N, C-alpha and C. Protein backbone atom coordinates (compact mmCIF):
# COMPACT_ATOMS: atom_id res chain seq x y z
N MET A 1 0.84 -1.18 0.00
CA MET A 1 0.00 0.00 0.00
C MET A 1 0.88 1.24 0.00
N VAL A 2 0.53 2.19 -0.84
CA VAL A 2 1.26 3.45 -0.90
C VAL A 2 0.51 4.47 -0.07
N ARG A 3 1.16 4.99 0.96
CA ARG A 3 0.57 6.01 1.83
C ARG A 3 1.34 7.30 1.62
N CYS A 4 0.61 8.39 1.50
CA CYS A 4 1.21 9.71 1.30
C CYS A 4 0.86 10.59 2.48
N LEU A 5 1.84 11.31 2.97
CA LEU A 5 1.64 12.29 4.02
C LEU A 5 1.68 13.67 3.39
N ILE A 6 0.62 14.44 3.59
CA ILE A 6 0.59 15.82 3.12
C ILE A 6 0.75 16.73 4.33
N VAL A 7 1.74 17.61 4.27
CA VAL A 7 2.02 18.52 5.37
C VAL A 7 1.74 19.94 4.90
N GLY A 8 0.91 20.65 5.63
CA GLY A 8 0.56 22.02 5.26
C GLY A 8 -0.86 22.11 4.76
N THR A 9 -1.33 23.28 4.54
CA THR A 9 -2.70 23.63 4.14
C THR A 9 -3.70 23.28 5.23
N ASP A 10 -4.83 23.95 5.17
CA ASP A 10 -5.90 23.67 6.12
C ASP A 10 -6.87 22.62 5.57
N ARG A 11 -7.04 22.62 4.25
CA ARG A 11 -7.94 21.67 3.60
C ARG A 11 -7.23 21.01 2.43
N LEU A 12 -7.55 19.75 2.17
CA LEU A 12 -6.90 19.02 1.09
C LEU A 12 -7.51 19.27 -0.27
N GLY A 13 -8.79 19.53 -0.34
CA GLY A 13 -9.43 19.76 -1.62
C GLY A 13 -9.32 18.53 -2.50
N ALA A 14 -8.81 18.70 -3.71
CA ALA A 14 -8.70 17.61 -4.68
C ALA A 14 -7.37 16.88 -4.59
N ALA A 15 -6.56 17.18 -3.60
CA ALA A 15 -5.23 16.58 -3.50
C ALA A 15 -5.27 15.06 -3.47
N SER A 16 -6.19 14.48 -2.73
CA SER A 16 -6.28 13.02 -2.65
C SER A 16 -6.51 12.40 -4.02
N ALA A 17 -7.43 12.97 -4.76
CA ALA A 17 -7.75 12.43 -6.09
C ALA A 17 -6.57 12.57 -7.05
N VAL A 18 -5.89 13.70 -7.01
CA VAL A 18 -4.74 13.92 -7.90
C VAL A 18 -3.61 12.95 -7.55
N LEU A 19 -3.35 12.75 -6.28
CA LEU A 19 -2.28 11.83 -5.87
C LEU A 19 -2.63 10.39 -6.24
N ARG A 20 -3.88 10.02 -6.14
CA ARG A 20 -4.29 8.67 -6.55
C ARG A 20 -4.08 8.48 -8.05
N GLN A 21 -4.47 9.49 -8.81
CA GLN A 21 -4.39 9.39 -10.26
C GLN A 21 -2.94 9.41 -10.76
N LYS A 22 -2.14 10.33 -10.27
CA LYS A 22 -0.78 10.50 -10.81
C LYS A 22 0.25 9.56 -10.20
N PHE A 23 0.07 9.21 -8.92
CA PHE A 23 1.09 8.42 -8.23
C PHE A 23 0.61 7.08 -7.70
N GLY A 24 -0.67 6.78 -7.83
CA GLY A 24 -1.19 5.52 -7.33
C GLY A 24 -1.27 5.46 -5.81
N VAL A 25 -1.37 6.61 -5.16
CA VAL A 25 -1.47 6.67 -3.71
C VAL A 25 -2.81 6.09 -3.28
N GLN A 26 -2.79 5.23 -2.29
CA GLN A 26 -4.03 4.60 -1.83
C GLN A 26 -4.60 5.25 -0.57
N GLU A 27 -3.73 5.85 0.23
CA GLU A 27 -4.20 6.50 1.45
C GLU A 27 -3.45 7.81 1.65
N VAL A 28 -4.17 8.84 2.08
CA VAL A 28 -3.58 10.14 2.32
C VAL A 28 -3.75 10.50 3.79
N VAL A 29 -2.64 10.88 4.43
CA VAL A 29 -2.66 11.35 5.81
C VAL A 29 -2.31 12.83 5.76
N HIS A 30 -3.03 13.65 6.54
CA HIS A 30 -2.83 15.10 6.48
C HIS A 30 -2.39 15.65 7.83
N TRP A 31 -1.30 16.42 7.82
CA TRP A 31 -0.87 17.21 8.97
C TRP A 31 -0.98 18.66 8.57
N ASP A 32 -1.73 19.46 9.31
CA ASP A 32 -1.78 20.87 8.96
C ASP A 32 -0.47 21.54 9.37
N GLY A 33 -0.22 22.72 8.86
CA GLY A 33 1.03 23.42 9.12
C GLY A 33 1.06 24.18 10.41
N ARG A 34 0.01 24.04 11.21
CA ARG A 34 -0.09 24.81 12.45
C ARG A 34 0.24 23.99 13.69
N ARG A 35 0.83 22.83 13.51
CA ARG A 35 1.14 21.96 14.64
C ARG A 35 2.03 22.66 15.65
N LYS A 36 1.65 22.57 16.87
CA LYS A 36 2.48 23.14 17.95
C LYS A 36 3.51 22.13 18.42
N LYS A 37 3.09 20.87 18.48
CA LYS A 37 3.98 19.80 18.93
C LYS A 37 4.57 19.11 17.71
N LEU A 38 5.89 19.06 17.63
CA LEU A 38 6.53 18.45 16.47
C LEU A 38 6.42 16.93 16.54
N PRO A 39 6.17 16.29 15.40
CA PRO A 39 6.00 14.84 15.39
C PRO A 39 7.31 14.11 15.63
N LYS A 40 7.20 12.90 16.19
CA LYS A 40 8.39 12.08 16.42
C LYS A 40 8.66 11.13 15.26
N ASN A 41 7.60 10.72 14.57
CA ASN A 41 7.72 9.77 13.45
C ASN A 41 6.64 10.05 12.41
N PHE A 42 6.88 9.52 11.21
CA PHE A 42 5.86 9.53 10.18
C PHE A 42 4.86 8.41 10.48
N PRO A 43 3.65 8.50 9.92
CA PRO A 43 2.73 7.36 10.02
C PRO A 43 3.37 6.13 9.37
N ARG A 44 3.03 4.98 9.87
CA ARG A 44 3.60 3.72 9.37
C ARG A 44 3.34 3.56 7.87
N ASP A 45 4.32 3.04 7.15
CA ASP A 45 4.25 2.76 5.71
C ASP A 45 4.11 4.00 4.83
N THR A 46 4.61 5.13 5.28
CA THR A 46 4.59 6.33 4.45
C THR A 46 5.64 6.19 3.35
N GLY A 47 5.20 6.34 2.10
CA GLY A 47 6.10 6.19 0.97
C GLY A 47 6.42 7.50 0.27
N LEU A 48 5.65 8.53 0.55
CA LEU A 48 5.82 9.82 -0.10
C LEU A 48 5.33 10.91 0.84
N VAL A 49 6.04 12.03 0.86
CA VAL A 49 5.64 13.19 1.65
C VAL A 49 5.53 14.38 0.71
N VAL A 50 4.41 15.09 0.79
CA VAL A 50 4.21 16.32 0.02
C VAL A 50 4.10 17.45 1.03
N VAL A 51 4.98 18.46 0.88
CA VAL A 51 4.99 19.59 1.81
C VAL A 51 4.63 20.86 1.05
N TYR A 52 3.59 21.55 1.52
CA TYR A 52 3.22 22.86 0.98
C TYR A 52 4.01 23.89 1.79
N THR A 53 5.09 24.38 1.23
CA THR A 53 6.01 25.23 1.99
C THR A 53 5.40 26.56 2.40
N GLY A 54 4.43 27.06 1.69
CA GLY A 54 3.82 28.33 2.03
C GLY A 54 2.88 28.25 3.22
N PHE A 55 2.60 27.04 3.69
CA PHE A 55 1.62 26.84 4.75
C PHE A 55 2.19 26.07 5.94
N VAL A 56 3.51 26.08 6.09
CA VAL A 56 4.16 25.31 7.15
C VAL A 56 5.13 26.20 7.91
N ASN A 57 5.15 26.08 9.24
CA ASN A 57 6.13 26.85 9.98
C ASN A 57 7.51 26.21 9.81
N HIS A 58 8.55 26.97 10.05
CA HIS A 58 9.92 26.50 9.77
C HIS A 58 10.31 25.30 10.62
N ALA A 59 9.93 25.29 11.86
CA ALA A 59 10.30 24.17 12.73
C ALA A 59 9.72 22.86 12.21
N LEU A 60 8.45 22.89 11.77
CA LEU A 60 7.83 21.68 11.24
C LEU A 60 8.47 21.28 9.92
N MET A 61 8.82 22.24 9.08
CA MET A 61 9.46 21.93 7.81
C MET A 61 10.81 21.24 8.03
N TYR A 62 11.60 21.75 8.94
CA TYR A 62 12.90 21.13 9.23
C TYR A 62 12.73 19.75 9.84
N ARG A 63 11.71 19.57 10.68
CA ARG A 63 11.46 18.27 11.30
C ARG A 63 11.03 17.25 10.26
N VAL A 64 10.18 17.63 9.34
CA VAL A 64 9.75 16.73 8.27
C VAL A 64 10.94 16.32 7.41
N ARG A 65 11.79 17.28 7.09
CA ARG A 65 12.98 16.98 6.28
C ARG A 65 13.88 15.97 7.00
N GLU A 66 14.07 16.14 8.28
CA GLU A 66 14.92 15.24 9.06
C GLU A 66 14.30 13.84 9.14
N LEU A 67 13.00 13.76 9.41
CA LEU A 67 12.33 12.46 9.47
C LEU A 67 12.39 11.73 8.12
N ALA A 68 12.21 12.48 7.03
CA ALA A 68 12.25 11.88 5.70
C ALA A 68 13.65 11.36 5.38
N ARG A 69 14.66 12.11 5.78
CA ARG A 69 16.03 11.67 5.54
C ARG A 69 16.30 10.37 6.29
N LYS A 70 15.91 10.30 7.54
CA LYS A 70 16.14 9.10 8.35
C LYS A 70 15.36 7.90 7.83
N ALA A 71 14.14 8.14 7.34
CA ALA A 71 13.29 7.04 6.88
C ALA A 71 13.54 6.67 5.41
N GLY A 72 14.28 7.51 4.69
CA GLY A 72 14.52 7.24 3.28
C GLY A 72 13.29 7.47 2.42
N VAL A 73 12.44 8.41 2.81
CA VAL A 73 11.19 8.70 2.11
C VAL A 73 11.39 9.91 1.21
N LYS A 74 10.86 9.84 0.00
CA LYS A 74 10.95 10.98 -0.93
C LYS A 74 10.01 12.09 -0.49
N VAL A 75 10.47 13.33 -0.68
CA VAL A 75 9.68 14.51 -0.32
C VAL A 75 9.50 15.37 -1.56
N ILE A 76 8.29 15.82 -1.80
CA ILE A 76 8.00 16.78 -2.86
C ILE A 76 7.67 18.10 -2.17
N TRP A 77 8.44 19.13 -2.49
CA TRP A 77 8.25 20.45 -1.90
C TRP A 77 7.47 21.29 -2.90
N LEU A 78 6.31 21.81 -2.50
CA LEU A 78 5.48 22.62 -3.38
C LEU A 78 5.25 23.99 -2.75
N ARG A 79 5.20 24.99 -3.58
CA ARG A 79 4.91 26.34 -3.07
C ARG A 79 3.41 26.58 -2.96
N ARG A 80 2.70 26.24 -4.00
CA ARG A 80 1.28 26.60 -4.06
C ARG A 80 0.35 25.40 -3.98
N GLY A 81 0.54 24.43 -4.85
CA GLY A 81 -0.41 23.33 -4.87
C GLY A 81 0.01 22.22 -5.80
N LEU A 82 -0.86 21.26 -5.95
CA LEU A 82 -0.54 20.09 -6.75
C LEU A 82 -0.52 20.36 -8.25
N SER A 83 -0.84 21.56 -8.67
CA SER A 83 -0.71 21.90 -10.09
C SER A 83 0.75 21.84 -10.51
N GLU A 84 1.67 21.97 -9.56
CA GLU A 84 3.10 21.87 -9.84
C GLU A 84 3.55 20.42 -10.02
N VAL A 85 2.70 19.44 -9.69
CA VAL A 85 3.09 18.05 -9.73
C VAL A 85 3.30 17.55 -11.15
N GLY A 86 2.69 18.16 -12.14
CA GLY A 86 2.88 17.73 -13.52
C GLY A 86 4.35 17.71 -13.91
N VAL A 87 5.11 18.65 -13.41
CA VAL A 87 6.55 18.71 -13.68
C VAL A 87 7.28 17.63 -12.92
N LEU A 88 6.74 17.22 -11.78
CA LEU A 88 7.41 16.27 -10.89
C LEU A 88 6.91 14.84 -11.02
N LYS A 89 6.20 14.53 -12.09
CA LYS A 89 5.55 13.22 -12.21
C LYS A 89 6.53 12.07 -12.05
N ASN A 90 7.77 12.24 -12.50
CA ASN A 90 8.75 11.16 -12.41
C ASN A 90 9.54 11.17 -11.10
N ALA A 91 9.12 12.00 -10.15
CA ALA A 91 9.85 12.11 -8.88
C ALA A 91 9.70 10.87 -8.02
N VAL A 92 8.61 10.14 -8.20
CA VAL A 92 8.37 8.98 -7.34
C VAL A 92 8.74 7.72 -8.06
């Protein structure tokens, strides 16, 4: 099963559908960018992380980068939204 973690934004909108279509993601987990407590680990079986950089505080962004490095998980950094994913289709 391919699980994707989306970090940032308040609402996912069509993100789940786009990730299913373009990357075959079966489950989407969402962390908003307003977390006060930094996470210790990613959800189990996370294969991809998408970070909306415009909607995440710096501490959370650095923590996600560190967790991804340790877990060997690919991260897609986006400024605005999944419309940028067309360029990154081969990233996964």
